[in-house]
Amino acid sequence: MSRIFFLLPLLPLATAQQQQQQQTTTLTLPFYAYDQMPIAASILAAAPSATTLELSCAPGTDGSDCGLFPYQTLTIGPSTYHMDMSVPGDGFTGTQDCSRSAGSAVCVESAGGQEANFPGKSTETYGASDVASLAVTVTAGAELLTATETGGPAVTQVTGTSGVSGSTGVEPTGSGAGTEPTGAAAANRVVLGGGVAGAVAGLLGGLVL
């Protein structure tokens, strides 16, 4: 009987831990000129104006299946879309600032650093076919989302096999074709687009991401 007495107080704690482990927060975010890929993120800051996320390859993802840079952050909100990308040291830095509308976006993109074969800025227009709505699994900082509602990403709380969606997300709709870039602009677009590790490595002078 004494063993049962000591075990019973642990049951609520074990149940709470199990429920916490089963709950996953997933954000649906727009990415421009990216392929489908599993992404994880830590929430760095959340405010009504914008949410800042540190992006990474999802745990267990093969490096060739993830086109993210070693350091990559996204700040997104109702009127904000800013991506920062870099590698260790000063080999490469890139940015993507987008002005979005239904089904399209105009992005000012830059690439620089010693390993950037085509440094400089370009302006790209992305149509609906260039927009990938990717599921981003939150691995840290989810409590910041519940404390502050932003008008940016769509949030889905998933517990077990059922999910409930909350907040108003930015879901690109409509149709249209993006403007195909040429020259250095095309090269920078390849750098910014995930999922093409071979092309990225070539543009960065053989640097493996």
Foldseek 3Di string as FASTA:
>chain_A
DVVVVVCVVCVVVVVVVVQVVQKWKKWWAKDFQADAAAKAWAWPADAQAWTKIWIDHDPPDDLLQKFAAPTWMWIWAPQWTKIWHDHPDFLKIKMWTWGDDAFKIKIWMAMDGNQAQQGDIDIWIAGNVRIDGYMYIYPYDPVNCVVHPYQEIWMWIDGHHDIDTDHHYDDHDDGDHIDQDDDSVNLRSVCRYGNCQVSVCVSRVNDGD
